[in-house]
C-alpha cells in the first residue's frame, strides 16, 4: 500500500 500513500501525499499531505 505504498502507492496509495504516495498519491495521497501528492494530493493532500496533511498527515506527514
Protein backbone atom coordinates (compact mmCIF):
# COMPACT_ATOMS: atom_id res chain seq x y z
CA UNK A 1 0.00 0.00 0.00
CA UNK A 2 2.90 2.33 -0.69
CA UNK A 3 1.44 3.71 -3.89
CA UNK A 4 -1.71 4.64 -2.00
CA UNK A 5 0.28 6.73 0.46
CA UNK A 6 2.26 8.24 -2.39
CA UNK A 7 -0.67 9.65 -4.34
CA UNK A 8 -2.33 10.58 -1.07
CA UNK A 9 0.63 12.73 -0.07
CA UNK A 10 0.78 14.25 -3.53
CA UNK A 11 -2.90 15.22 -3.41
CA UNK A 12 -3.08 16.36 0.19
CA UNK A 13 -0.19 15.62 2.52
CA UNK A 14 -1.85 16.60 5.77
CA UNK A 15 -0.68 13.66 7.86
CA UNK A 16 3.00 13.93 7.03
